[in-house]
Amino acid sequence: MRGSDGAGRSGGDDGAGSGLAAELGAELGERATLVQFSSAFCAPCRATRRVLGDVAAMVPGVTHVEVDAEARLDLVRRLGVESTPTVLVLDAAGRVVRRAAGQPRKADVIAALGAAL
């Protein structure tokens, strides 16, 4: 995935750890979680949903969670999401270890999971 690693804006535990799981309203993956911020009329978001869904189905213990950015502006602002799609890779503890904006390639998502696993 193109983008920054966890050392950027969302590095470390910026309050986005286990609290993020509760805010997402979804259970995190046993090994990692792919969090996708999308908007209704975003064509790349649909393609990203397919890619992340495929990867989550392929890699045991990985879950894909999609967040409607327009409905969750509080979370968008807190996490510094500036465009859709934006993808966050969370480790098993819910910490952001990678983030990228734009439509990812499947190979890049799999490589980014390496930081979480």
PDB file of N, CA and C in Angstrom:
ATOM      1  N   MET A   1       0.843  -1.175   0.000  1.00  0.00           N
ATOM      2  CA  MET A   1       0.000   0.000   0.000  1.00  0.00           C
ATOM      3  C   MET A   1       0.878   1.225   0.000  1.00  0.00           C
ATOM      4  N   ARG A   2       0.550   2.124  -0.863  1.00  0.00           N
ATOM      5  CA  ARG A   2       1.268   3.387  -0.845  1.00  0.00           C
ATOM      6  C   ARG A   2       0.751   4.187   0.343  1.00  0.00           C
ATOM      7  N   GLY A   3       1.586   4.982   0.927  1.00  0.00           N
ATOM      8  CA  GLY A   3       1.160   5.772   2.074  1.00  0.00           C
ATOM      9  C   GLY A   3       2.219   5.728   3.142  1.00  0.00           C
ATOM     10  N   SER A   4       1.842   6.168   4.327  1.00  0.00           N
ATOM     11  CA  SER A   4       2.827   6.227   5.400  1.00  0.00           C
ATOM     12  C   SER A   4       2.663   5.036   6.318  1.00  0.00           C
ATOM     13  N   ASP A   5       3.713   4.735   7.038  1.00  0.00           N
ATOM     14  CA  ASP A   5       3.607   3.671   8.018  1.00  0.00           C
ATOM     15  C   ASP A   5       3.044   4.236   9.310  1.00  0.00           C
ATOM     16  N   GLY A   6       2.992   3.422  10.321  1.00  0.00           N
ATOM     17  CA  GLY A   6       2.405   3.834  11.580  1.00  0.00           C
ATOM     18  C   GLY A   6       3.170   4.936  12.279  1.00  0.00           C
ATOM     19  N   ALA A   7       4.350   5.285  11.796  1.00  0.00           N
ATOM     20  CA  ALA A   7       5.155   6.304  12.475  1.00  0.00           C
ATOM     21  C   ALA A   7       4.667   7.709  12.176  1.00  0.00           C
ATOM     22  N   GLY A   8       3.742   7.839  11.266  1.00  0.00           N
ATOM     23  CA  GLY A   8       3.234   9.162  10.891  1.00  0.00           C
ATOM     24  C   GLY A   8       2.188   9.646  11.859  1.00  0.00           C
ATOM     25  N   ARG A   9       1.209  10.342  11.341  1.00  0.00           N
ATOM     26  CA  ARG A   9       0.143  10.939  12.119  1.00  0.00           C
ATOM     27  C   ARG A   9      -0.506   9.995  13.103  1.00  0.00           C
ATOM     28  N   SER A  10      -0.634   8.738  12.721  1.00  0.00           N
ATOM     29  CA  SER A  10      -1.393   7.832  13.556  1.00  0.00           C
ATOM     30  C   SER A  10      -0.516   6.784  14.223  1.00  0.00           C
ATOM     31  N   GLY A  11       0.757   7.057  14.398  1.00  0.00           N
ATOM     32  CA  GLY A  11       1.673   6.074  14.953  1.00  0.00           C
ATOM     33  C   GLY A  11       1.456   5.838  16.423  1.00  0.00           C
ATOM     34  N   GLY A  12       2.005   4.720  16.889  1.00  0.00           N
ATOM     35  CA  GLY A  12       1.930   4.408  18.303  1.00  0.00           C
ATOM     36  C   GLY A  12       0.502   4.227  18.750  1.00  0.00           C
ATOM     37  N   ASP A  13       0.265   4.362  20.049  1.00  0.00           N
ATOM     38  CA  ASP A  13      -1.095   4.271  20.542  1.00  0.00           C
ATOM     39  C   ASP A  13      -1.586   5.676  20.792  1.00  0.00           C
ATOM     40  N   ASP A  14      -2.207   6.248  19.775  1.00  0.00           N
ATOM     41  CA  ASP A  14      -2.705   7.617  19.843  1.00  0.00           C
ATOM     42  C   ASP A  14      -4.136   7.643  20.340  1.00  0.00           C
ATOM     43  N   GLY A  15      -4.480   6.638  21.140  1.00  0.00           N
ATOM     44  CA  GLY A  15      -5.856   6.517  21.565  1.00  0.00           C
ATOM     45  C   GLY A  15      -6.653   5.722  20.552  1.00  0.00           C
ATOM     46  N   ALA A  16      -5.994   5.226  19.522  1.00  0.00           N
ATOM     47  CA  ALA A  16      -6.697   4.490  18.480  1.00  0.00           C
ATOM     48  C   ALA A  16      -6.593   2.990  18.697  1.00  0.00           C
ATOM     49  N   GLY A  17      -6.129   2.542  19.840  1.00  0.00           N
ATOM     50  CA  GLY A  17      -5.998   1.120  20.116  1.00  0.00           C
ATOM     51  C   GLY A  17      -7.343   0.467  20.339  1.00  0.00           C
ATOM     52  N   SER A  18      -7.553  -0.093  21.522  1.00  0.00           N
ATOM     53  CA  SER A  18      -8.794  -0.802  21.793  1.00  0.00           C
ATOM     54  C   SER A  18      -9.999   0.130  21.716  1.00  0.00           C
ATOM     55  N   GLY A  19      -9.793   1.424  21.959  1.00  0.00           N
ATOM     56  CA  GLY A  19     -10.885   2.385  21.828  1.00  0.00           C
ATOM     57  C   GLY A  19     -11.403   2.469  20.413  1.00  0.00           C
ATOM     58  N   LEU A  20     -10.523   2.290  19.439  1.00  0.00           N
ATOM     59  CA  LEU A  20     -10.927   2.325  18.039  1.00  0.00           C
ATOM     60  C   LEU A  20     -11.866   1.170  17.735  1.00  0.00           C
ATOM     61  N   ALA A  21     -11.605   0.004  18.296  1.00  0.00           N
ATOM     62  CA  ALA A  21     -12.482  -1.148  18.085  1.00  0.00           C
ATOM     63  C   ALA A  21     -13.896  -0.823  18.550  1.00  0.00           C
ATOM     64  N   ALA A  22     -14.011  -0.203  19.708  1.00  0.00           N
ATOM     65  CA  ALA A  22     -15.327   0.155  20.230  1.00  0.00           C
ATOM     66  C   ALA A  22     -15.998   1.206  19.343  1.00  0.00           C
ATOM     67  N   GLU A  23     -15.234   2.180  18.877  1.00  0.00           N
ATOM     68  CA  GLU A  23     -15.793   3.227  18.028  1.00  0.00           C
ATOM     69  C   GLU A  23     -16.245   2.697  16.678  1.00  0.00           C
ATOM     70  N   LEU A  24     -15.546   1.689  16.175  1.00  0.00           N
ATOM     71  CA  LEU A  24     -15.917   1.115  14.887  1.00  0.00           C
ATOM     72  C   LEU A  24     -17.208   0.318  14.991  1.00  0.00           C
ATOM     73  N   GLY A  25     -17.519  -0.154  16.181  1.00  0.00           N
ATOM     74  CA  GLY A  25     -18.717  -0.950  16.349  1.00  0.00           C
ATOM     75  C   GLY A  25     -18.587  -2.316  15.697  1.00  0.00           C
ATOM     76  N   ALA A  26     -17.359  -2.775  15.547  1.00  0.00           N
ATOM     77  CA  ALA A  26     -17.106  -4.064  14.916  1.00  0.00           C
ATOM     78  C   ALA A  26     -16.000  -4.775  15.674  1.00  0.00           C
ATOM     79  N   GLU A  27     -16.039  -6.075  15.612  1.00  0.00           N
ATOM     80  CA  GLU A  27     -14.997  -6.861  16.250  1.00  0.00           C
ATOM     81  C   GLU A  27     -13.750  -6.852  15.377  1.00  0.00           C
ATOM     82  N   LEU A  28     -12.596  -6.667  16.004  1.00  0.00           N
ATOM     83  CA  LEU A  28     -11.344  -6.674  15.268  1.00  0.00           C
ATOM     84  C   LEU A  28     -10.946  -8.101  14.905  1.00  0.00           C
ATOM     85  N   GLY A  29     -10.131  -8.206  13.867  1.00  0.00           N
ATOM     86  CA  GLY A  29      -9.620  -9.503  13.469  1.00  0.00           C
ATOM     87  C   GLY A  29      -8.681 -10.059  14.527  1.00  0.00           C
ATOM     88  N   GLU A  30      -8.585 -11.365  14.583  1.00  0.00           N
ATOM     89  CA  GLU A  30      -7.722 -12.032  15.556  1.00  0.00           C
ATOM     90  C   GLU A  30      -6.262 -11.640  15.361  1.00  0.00           C
ATOM     91  N   ARG A  31      -5.847 -11.449  14.091  1.00  0.00           N
ATOM     92  CA  ARG A  31      -4.450 -11.113  13.792  1.00  0.00           C
ATOM     93  C   ARG A  31      -4.293  -9.688  13.280  1.00  0.00           C
ATOM     94  N   ALA A  32      -5.268  -9.196  12.517  1.00  0.00           N
ATOM     95  CA  ALA A  32      -5.184  -7.840  11.951  1.00  0.00           C
ATOM     96  C   ALA A  32      -6.559  -7.435  11.431  1.00  0.00           C
ATOM     97  N   THR A  33      -6.727  -6.119  11.265  1.00  0.00           N
ATOM     98  CA  THR A  33      -7.985  -5.590  10.742  1.00  0.00           C
ATOM     99  C   THR A  33      -7.676  -4.557   9.671  1.00  0.00           C
ATOM    100  N   LEU A  34      -8.381  -4.651   8.559  1.00  0.00           N
ATOM    101  CA  LEU A  34      -8.288  -3.671   7.478  1.00  0.00           C
ATOM    102  C   LEU A  34      -9.493  -2.751   7.607  1.00  0.00           C
ATOM    103  N   VAL A  35      -9.249  -1.497   7.970  1.00  0.00           N
ATOM    104  CA  VAL A  35     -10.327  -0.527   8.149  1.00  0.00           C
ATOM    105  C   VAL A  35     -10.345   0.391   6.935  1.00  0.00           C
ATOM    106  N   GLN A  36     -11.489   0.428   6.254  1.00  0.00           N
ATOM    107  CA  GLN A  36     -11.646   1.230   5.044  1.00  0.00           C
ATOM    108  C   GLN A  36     -12.626   2.365   5.307  1.00  0.00           C
ATOM    109  N   PHE A  37     -12.182   3.594   5.081  1.00  0.00           N
ATOM    110  CA  PHE A  37     -13.067   4.756   5.137  1.00  0.00           C
ATOM    111  C   PHE A  37     -13.542   5.030   3.721  1.00  0.00           C
ATOM    112  N   SER A  38     -14.875   5.037   3.527  1.00  0.00           N
ATOM    113  CA  SER A  38     -15.475   5.188   2.206  1.00  0.00           C
ATOM    114  C   SER A  38     -16.532   6.278   2.230  1.00  0.00           C
ATOM    115  N   SER A  39     -16.947   6.668   1.039  1.00  0.00           N
ATOM    116  CA  SER A  39     -18.085   7.566   0.891  1.00  0.00           C
ATOM    117  C   SER A  39     -18.993   7.019  -0.206  1.00  0.00           C
ATOM    118  N   ALA A  40     -20.234   7.451  -0.203  1.00  0.00           N
ATOM    119  CA  ALA A  40     -21.274   6.849  -1.042  1.00  0.00           C
ATOM    120  C   ALA A  40     -20.972   6.860  -2.539  1.00  0.00           C
ATOM    121  N   PHE A  41     -20.472   7.959  -3.061  1.00  0.00           N
ATOM    122  CA  PHE A  41     -20.313   8.076  -4.511  1.00  0.00           C
ATOM    123  C   PHE A  41     -18.866   7.926  -4.965  1.00  0.00           C
ATOM    124  N   CYS A  42     -18.104   7.162  -4.225  1.00  0.00           N
ATOM    125  CA  CYS A  42     -16.670   6.980  -4.479  1.00  0.00           C
ATOM    126  C   CYS A  42     -16.458   5.666  -5.225  1.00  0.00           C
ATOM    127  N   ALA A  43     -16.171   5.753  -6.529  1.00  0.00           N
ATOM    128  CA  ALA A  43     -15.938   4.549  -7.330  1.00  0.00           C
ATOM    129  C   ALA A  43     -14.718   3.761  -6.846  1.00  0.00           C
ATOM    130  N   PRO A  44     -13.593   4.409  -6.536  1.00  0.00           N
ATOM    131  CA  PRO A  44     -12.456   3.640  -6.028  1.00  0.00           C
ATOM    132  C   PRO A  44     -12.773   2.925  -4.706  1.00  0.00           C
ATOM    133  N   CYS A  45     -13.745   3.419  -3.954  1.00  0.00           N
ATOM    134  CA  CYS A  45     -14.119   2.772  -2.693  1.00  0.00           C
ATOM    135  C   CYS A  45     -14.718   1.389  -2.965  1.00  0.00           C
ATOM    136  N   ARG A  46     -15.504   1.274  -4.027  1.00  0.00           N
ATOM    137  CA  ARG A  46     -16.109  -0.023  -4.365  1.00  0.00           C
ATOM    138  C   ARG A  46     -15.027  -1.035  -4.736  1.00  0.00           C
ATOM    139  N   ALA A  47     -14.050  -0.593  -5.527  1.00  0.00           N
ATOM    140  CA  ALA A  47     -12.951  -1.475  -5.913  1.00  0.00           C
ATOM    141  C   ALA A  47     -12.112  -1.848  -4.687  1.00  0.00           C
ATOM    142  N   THR A  48     -11.897  -0.885  -3.800  1.00  0.00           N
ATOM    143  CA  THR A  48     -11.134  -1.134  -2.577  1.00  0.00           C
ATOM    144  C   THR A  48     -11.854  -2.146  -1.701  1.00  0.00           C
ATOM    145  N   ARG A  49     -13.173  -2.042  -1.615  1.00  0.00           N
ATOM    146  CA  ARG A  49     -13.973  -2.991  -0.833  1.00  0.00           C
ATOM    147  C   ARG A  49     -13.747  -4.418  -1.332  1.00  0.00           C
ATOM    148  N   ARG A  50     -13.717  -4.586  -2.652  1.00  0.00           N
ATOM    149  CA  ARG A  50     -13.477  -5.922  -3.224  1.00  0.00           C
ATOM    150  C   ARG A  50     -12.074  -6.432  -2.882  1.00  0.00           C
ATOM    151  N   VAL A  51     -11.072  -5.570  -3.049  1.00  0.00           N
ATOM    152  CA  VAL A  51      -9.686  -5.970  -2.772  1.00  0.00           C
ATOM    153  C   VAL A  51      -9.526  -6.353  -1.307  1.00  0.00           C
ATOM    154  N   LEU A  52      -9.998  -5.512  -0.401  1.00  0.00           N
ATOM    155  CA  LEU A  52      -9.823  -5.784   1.027  1.00  0.00           C
ATOM    156  C   LEU A  52     -10.633  -7.003   1.457  1.00  0.00           C
ATOM    157  N   GLY A  53     -11.817  -7.169   0.899  1.00  0.00           N
ATOM    158  CA  GLY A  53     -12.628  -8.348   1.189  1.00  0.00           C
ATOM    159  C   GLY A  53     -11.934  -9.621   0.737  1.00  0.00           C
ATOM    160  N   ASP A  54     -11.325  -9.581  -0.459  1.00  0.00           N
ATOM    161  CA  ASP A  54     -10.586 -10.742  -0.974  1.00  0.00           C
ATOM    162  C   ASP A  54      -9.413 -11.085  -0.064  1.00  0.00           C
ATOM    163  N   VAL A  55      -8.661 -10.066   0.342  1.00  0.00           N
ATOM    164  CA  VAL A  55      -7.497 -10.300   1.206  1.00  0.00           C
ATOM    165  C   VAL A  55      -7.946 -10.850   2.561  1.00  0.00           C
ATOM    166  N   ALA A  56      -8.994 -10.283   3.136  1.00  0.00           N
ATOM    167  CA  ALA A  56      -9.487 -10.753   4.434  1.00  0.00           C
ATOM    168  C   ALA A  56      -9.948 -12.213   4.345  1.00  0.00           C
ATOM    169  N   ALA A  57     -10.543 -12.595   3.219  1.00  0.00           N
ATOM    170  CA  ALA A  57     -10.984 -13.975   3.038  1.00  0.00           C
ATOM    171  C   ALA A  57      -9.803 -14.922   2.842  1.00  0.00           C
ATOM    172  N   MET A  58      -8.724 -14.395   2.305  1.00  0.00           N
ATOM    173  CA  MET A  58      -7.551 -15.189   1.972  1.00  0.00           C
ATOM    174  C   MET A  58      -6.602 -15.399   3.159  1.00  0.00           C
ATOM    175  N   VAL A  59      -6.506 -14.422   4.039  1.00  0.00           N
ATOM    176  CA  VAL A  59      -5.536 -14.463   5.141  1.00  0.00           C
ATOM    177  C   VAL A  59      -6.271 -14.761   6.452  1.00  0.00           C
ATOM    178  N   PRO A  60      -5.996 -15.902   7.060  1.00  0.00           N
ATOM    179  CA  PRO A  60      -6.673 -16.253   8.314  1.00  0.00           C
ATOM    180  C   PRO A  60      -6.435 -15.210   9.414  1.00  0.00           C
ATOM    181  N   GLY A  61      -7.515 -14.906  10.158  1.00  0.00           N
ATOM    182  CA  GLY A  61      -7.406 -13.984  11.279  1.00  0.00           C
ATOM    183  C   GLY A  61      -7.459 -12.519  10.904  1.00  0.00           C
ATOM    184  N   VAL A  62      -7.711 -12.210   9.622  1.00  0.00           N
ATOM    185  CA  VAL A  62      -7.790 -10.822   9.163  1.00  0.00           C
ATOM    186  C   VAL A  62      -9.248 -10.483   8.851  1.00  0.00           C
ATOM    187  N   THR A  63      -9.685  -9.322   9.324  1.00  0.00           N
ATOM    188  CA  THR A  63     -11.050  -8.861   9.128  1.00  0.00           C
ATOM    189  C   THR A  63     -11.038  -7.538   8.365  1.00  0.00           C
ATOM    190  N   HIS A  64     -12.076  -7.327   7.556  1.00  0.00           N
ATOM    191  CA  HIS A  64     -12.255  -6.063   6.829  1.00  0.00           C
ATOM    192  C   HIS A  64     -13.459  -5.341   7.419  1.00  0.00           C
ATOM    193  N   VAL A  65     -13.261  -4.078   7.809  1.00  0.00           N
ATOM    194  CA  VAL A  65     -14.337  -3.251   8.354  1.00  0.00           C
ATOM    195  C   VAL A  65     -14.428  -1.999   7.503  1.00  0.00           C
ATOM    196  N   GLU A  66     -15.626  -1.687   7.025  1.00  0.00           N
ATOM    197  CA  GLU A  66     -15.819  -0.479   6.226  1.00  0.00           C
ATOM    198  C   GLU A  66     -16.565   0.569   7.050  1.00  0.00           C
ATOM    199  N   VAL A  67     -16.079   1.807   6.996  1.00  0.00           N
ATOM    200  CA  VAL A  67     -16.655   2.909   7.751  1.00  0.00           C
ATOM    201  C   VAL A  67     -17.155   3.958   6.766  1.00  0.00           C
ATOM    202  N   ASP A  68     -18.405   4.384   6.922  1.00  0.00           N
ATOM    203  CA  ASP A  68     -18.954   5.456   6.099  1.00  0.00           C
ATOM    204  C   ASP A  68     -18.395   6.781   6.634  1.00  0.00           C
ATOM    205  N   ALA A  69     -17.487   7.369   5.894  1.00  0.00           N
ATOM    206  CA  ALA A  69     -16.797   8.580   6.350  1.00  0.00           C
ATOM    207  C   ALA A  69     -17.767   9.723   6.625  1.00  0.00           C
ATOM    208  N   GLU A  70     -18.809   9.831   5.825  1.00  0.00           N
ATOM    209  CA  GLU A  70     -19.776  10.923   6.008  1.00  0.00           C
ATOM    210  C   GLU A  70     -20.569  10.766   7.295  1.00  0.00           C
ATOM    211  N   ALA A  71     -20.818   9.528   7.693  1.00  0.00           N
ATOM    212  CA  ALA A  71     -21.586   9.274   8.908  1.00  0.00           C
ATOM    213  C   ALA A  71     -20.722   9.315  10.161  1.00  0.00           C
ATOM    214  N   ARG A  72     -19.403   9.213   9.987  1.00  0.00           N
ATOM    215  CA  ARG A  72     -18.493   9.155  11.132  1.00  0.00           C
ATOM    216  C   ARG A  72     -17.447  10.265  11.080  1.00  0.00           C
ATOM    217  N   LEU A  73     -17.904  11.501  10.896  1.00  0.00           N
ATOM    218  CA  LEU A  73     -16.981  12.637  10.793  1.00  0.00           C
ATOM    219  C   LEU A  73     -16.113  12.795  12.035  1.00  0.00           C
ATOM    220  N   ASP A  74     -16.625  12.426  13.200  1.00  0.00           N
ATOM    221  CA  ASP A  74     -15.831  12.500  14.430  1.00  0.00           C
ATOM    222  C   ASP A  74     -14.589  11.616  14.319  1.00  0.00           C
ATOM    223  N   LEU A  75     -14.771  10.411  13.847  1.00  0.00           N
ATOM    224  CA  LEU A  75     -13.667   9.473  13.693  1.00  0.00           C
ATOM    225  C   LEU A  75     -12.739   9.898  12.556  1.00  0.00           C
ATOM    226  N   VAL A  76     -13.305  10.391  11.480  1.00  0.00           N
ATOM    227  CA  VAL A  76     -12.525  10.877  10.334  1.00  0.00           C
ATOM    228  C   VAL A  76     -11.576  11.987  10.789  1.00  0.00           C
ATOM    229  N   ARG A  77     -12.096  12.922  11.539  1.00  0.00           N
ATOM    230  CA  ARG A  77     -11.274  14.042  12.017  1.00  0.00           C
ATOM    231  C   ARG A  77     -10.198  13.566  12.989  1.00  0.00           C
ATOM    232  N   ARG A  78     -10.583  12.710  13.918  1.00  0.00           N
ATOM    233  CA  ARG A  78      -9.631  12.240  14.933  1.00  0.00           C
ATOM    234  C   ARG A  78      -8.478  11.463  14.322  1.00  0.00           C
ATOM    235  N   LEU A  79      -8.773  10.704  13.272  1.00  0.00           N
ATOM    236  CA  LEU A  79      -7.736   9.885  12.648  1.00  0.00           C
ATOM    237  C   LEU A  79      -7.059  10.572  11.468  1.00  0.00           C
ATOM    238  N   GLY A  80      -7.474  11.787  11.145  1.00  0.00           N
ATOM    239  CA  GLY A  80      -6.829  12.539  10.077  1.00  0.00           C
ATOM    240  C   GLY A  80      -7.095  11.985   8.688  1.00  0.00           C
ATOM    241  N   VAL A  81      -8.262  11.421   8.477  1.00  0.00           N
ATOM    242  CA  VAL A  81      -8.629  10.902   7.155  1.00  0.00           C
ATOM    243  C   VAL A  81      -9.003  12.091   6.280  1.00  0.00           C
ATOM    244  N   GLU A  82      -8.282  12.243   5.162  1.00  0.00           N
ATOM    245  CA  GLU A  82      -8.490  13.408   4.300  1.00  0.00           C
ATOM    246  C   GLU A  82      -9.164  13.086   2.978  1.00  0.00           C
ATOM    247  N   SER A  83      -9.207  11.804   2.608  1.00  0.00           N
ATOM    248  CA  SER A  83      -9.846  11.426   1.353  1.00  0.00           C
ATOM    249  C   SER A  83     -10.348   9.996   1.453  1.00  0.00           C
ATOM    250  N   THR A  84     -11.220   9.641   0.523  1.00  0.00           N
ATOM    251  CA  THR A  84     -11.700   8.267   0.465  1.00  0.00           C
ATOM    252  C   THR A  84     -11.329   7.680  -0.884  1.00  0.00           C
ATOM    253  N   PRO A  85     -10.954   6.425  -0.924  1.00  0.00           N
ATOM    254  CA  PRO A  85     -10.805   5.546   0.232  1.00  0.00           C
ATOM    255  C   PRO A  85      -9.498   5.799   0.981  1.00  0.00           C
ATOM    256  N   THR A  86      -9.561   5.646   2.282  1.00  0.00           N
ATOM    257  CA  THR A  86      -8.372   5.585   3.120  1.00  0.00           C
ATOM    258  C   THR A  86      -8.435   4.258   3.854  1.00  0.00           C
ATOM    259  N   VAL A  87      -7.316   3.567   3.888  1.00  0.00           N
ATOM    260  CA  VAL A  87      -7.245   2.256   4.532  1.00  0.00           C
ATOM    261  C   VAL A  87      -6.253   2.319   5.683  1.00  0.00           C
ATOM    262  N   LEU A  88      -6.689   1.825   6.836  1.00  0.00           N
ATOM    263  CA  LEU A  88      -5.821   1.675   8.001  1.00  0.00           C
ATOM    264  C   LEU A  88      -5.624   0.182   8.243  1.00  0.00           C
ATOM    265  N   VAL A  89      -4.398  -0.217   8.512  1.00  0.00           N
ATOM    266  CA  VAL A  89      -4.114  -1.595   8.897  1.00  0.00           C
ATOM    267  C   VAL A  89      -3.866  -1.582  10.398  1.00  0.00           C
ATOM    268  N   LEU A  90      -4.691  -2.321  11.126  1.00  0.00           N
ATOM    269  CA  LEU A  90      -4.560  -2.407  12.571  1.00  0.00           C
ATOM    270  C   LEU A  90      -3.954  -3.743  12.948  1.00  0.00           C
ATOM    271  N   ASP A  91      -3.107  -3.745  13.970  1.00  0.00           N
ATOM    272  CA  ASP A  91      -2.580  -5.012  14.470  1.00  0.00           C
ATOM    273  C   ASP A  91      -3.629  -5.658  15.372  1.00  0.00           C
ATOM    274  N   ALA A  92      -3.300  -6.788  15.970  1.00  0.00           N
ATOM    275  CA  ALA A  92      -4.262  -7.525  16.792  1.00  0.00           C
ATOM    276  C   ALA A  92      -4.751  -6.713  17.990  1.00  0.00           C
ATOM    277  N   ALA A  93      -3.926  -5.785  18.472  1.00  0.00           N
ATOM    278  CA  ALA A  93      -4.300  -4.945  19.615  1.00  0.00           C
ATOM    279  C   ALA A  93      -5.110  -3.720  19.190  1.00  0.00           C
ATOM    280  N   GLY A  94      -5.296  -3.517  17.884  1.00  0.00           N
ATOM    281  CA  GLY A  94      -6.071  -2.379  17.404  1.00  0.00           C
ATOM    282  C   GLY A  94      -5.250  -1.133  17.163  1.00  0.00           C
ATOM    283  N   ARG A  95      -3.926  -1.255  17.153  1.00  0.00           N
ATOM    284  CA  ARG A  95      -3.058  -0.104  16.873  1.00  0.00           C
ATOM    285  C   ARG A  95      -2.872   0.048  15.369  1.00  0.00           C
ATOM    286  N   VAL A  96      -2.874   1.291  14.894  1.00  0.00           N
ATOM    287  CA  VAL A  96      -2.651   1.565  13.480  1.00  0.00           C
ATOM    288  C   VAL A  96      -1.173   1.350  13.168  1.00  0.00           C
ATOM    289  N   VAL A  97      -0.885   0.424  12.256  1.00  0.00           N
ATOM    290  CA  VAL A  97       0.504   0.145  11.881  1.00  0.00           C
ATOM    291  C   VAL A  97       0.818   0.600  10.463  1.00  0.00           C
ATOM    292  N   ARG A  98      -0.205   0.778   9.640  1.00  0.00           N
ATOM    293  CA  ARG A  98      -0.040   1.294   8.277  1.00  0.00           C
ATOM    294  C   ARG A  98      -1.298   2.055   7.900  1.00  0.00           C
ATOM    295  N   ARG A  99      -1.122   3.011   7.004  1.00  0.00           N
ATOM    296  CA  ARG A  99      -2.274   3.737   6.457  1.00  0.00           C
ATOM    297  C   ARG A  99      -1.929   4.169   5.049  1.00  0.00           C
ATOM    298  N   ALA A 100      -2.948   4.244   4.214  1.00  0.00           N
ATOM    299  CA  ALA A 100      -2.745   4.676   2.836  1.00  0.00           C
ATOM    300  C   ALA A 100      -4.051   5.257   2.308  1.00  0.00           C
ATOM    301  N   ALA A 101      -3.924   6.205   1.399  1.00  0.00           N
ATOM    302  CA  ALA A 101      -5.081   6.793   0.730  1.00  0.00           C
ATOM    303  C   ALA A 101      -5.076   6.332  -0.716  1.00  0.00           C
ATOM    304  N   GLY A 102      -6.258   6.170  -1.265  1.00  0.00           N
ATOM    305  CA  GLY A 102      -6.376   5.739  -2.654  1.00  0.00           C
ATOM    306  C   GLY A 102      -6.637   4.251  -2.743  1.00  0.00           C
ATOM    307  N   GLN A 103      -6.916   3.812  -3.959  1.00  0.00           N
ATOM    308  CA  GLN A 103      -7.240   2.415  -4.197  1.00  0.00           C
ATOM    309  C   GLN A 103      -5.974   1.560  -4.154  1.00  0.00           C
ATOM    310  N   PRO A 104      -5.908   0.601  -3.230  1.00  0.00           N
ATOM    311  CA  PRO A 104      -4.705  -0.228  -3.119  1.00  0.00           C
ATOM    312  C   PRO A 104      -4.731  -1.417  -4.078  1.00  0.00           C
ATOM    313  N   ARG A 105      -3.563  -1.934  -4.357  1.00  0.00           N
ATOM    314  CA  ARG A 105      -3.459  -3.188  -5.099  1.00  0.00           C
ATOM    315  C   ARG A 105      -3.424  -4.323  -4.083  1.00  0.00           C
ATOM    316  N   LYS A 106      -3.922  -5.469  -4.479  1.00  0.00           N
ATOM    317  CA  LYS A 106      -3.989  -6.617  -3.568  1.00  0.00           C
ATOM    318  C   LYS A 106      -2.599  -6.964  -3.017  1.00  0.00           C
ATOM    319  N   ALA A 107      -1.585  -6.969  -3.880  1.00  0.00           N
ATOM    320  CA  ALA A 107      -0.223  -7.308  -3.437  1.00  0.00           C
ATOM    321  C   ALA A 107       0.278  -6.322  -2.389  1.00  0.00           C
ATOM    322  N   ASP A 108      -0.075  -5.045  -2.541  1.00  0.00           N
ATOM    323  CA  ASP A 108       0.353  -4.032  -1.568  1.00  0.00           C
ATOM    324  C   ASP A 108      -0.336  -4.225  -0.219  1.00  0.00           C
ATOM    325  N   VAL A 109      -1.604  -4.613  -0.244  1.00  0.00           N
ATOM    326  CA  VAL A 109      -2.329  -4.853   1.011  1.00  0.00           C
ATOM    327  C   VAL A 109      -1.708  -6.041   1.741  1.00  0.00           C
ATOM    328  N   ILE A 110      -1.419  -7.095   0.998  1.00  0.00           N
ATOM    329  CA  ILE A 110      -0.804  -8.277   1.607  1.00  0.00           C
ATOM    330  C   ILE A 110       0.551  -7.919   2.209  1.00  0.00           C
ATOM    331  N   ALA A 111       1.334  -7.130   1.501  1.00  0.00           N
ATOM    332  CA  ALA A 111       2.644  -6.701   2.015  1.00  0.00           C
ATOM    333  C   ALA A 111       2.464  -5.846   3.278  1.00  0.00           C
ATOM    334  N   ALA A 112       1.483  -4.949   3.273  1.00  0.00           N
ATOM    335  CA  ALA A 112       1.252  -4.079   4.438  1.00  0.00           C
ATOM    336  C   ALA A 112       0.821  -4.886   5.648  1.00  0.00           C
ATOM    337  N   LEU A 113       0.130  -5.979   5.427  1.00  0.00           N
ATOM    338  CA  LEU A 113      -0.270  -6.829   6.555  1.00  0.00           C
ATOM    339  C   LEU A 113       0.934  -7.383   7.298  1.00  0.00           C
ATOM    340  N   GLY A 114       2.060  -7.499   6.613  1.00  0.00           N
ATOM    341  CA  GLY A 114       3.271  -7.976   7.251  1.00  0.00           C
ATOM    342  C   GLY A 114       3.646  -7.160   8.484  1.00  0.00           C
ATOM    343  N   ALA A 115       3.352  -5.866   8.468  1.00  0.00           N
ATOM    344  CA  ALA A 115       3.657  -5.005   9.616  1.00  0.00           C
ATOM    345  C   ALA A 115       2.748  -5.298  10.797  1.00  0.00           C
ATOM    346  N   ALA A 116       1.576  -5.824  10.508  1.00  0.00           N
ATOM    347  CA  ALA A 116       0.603  -6.102  11.587  1.00  0.00           C
ATOM    348  C   ALA A 116       0.729  -7.523  12.118  1.00  0.00           C
ATOM    349  N   LEU A 117       1.196  -8.421  11.267  1.00  0.00           N
ATOM    350  CA  LEU A 117       1.262  -9.828  11.673  1.00  0.00           C
ATOM    351  C   LEU A 117       2.608 -10.086  12.238  1.00  0.00           C
TER     352      LEU A 117
END
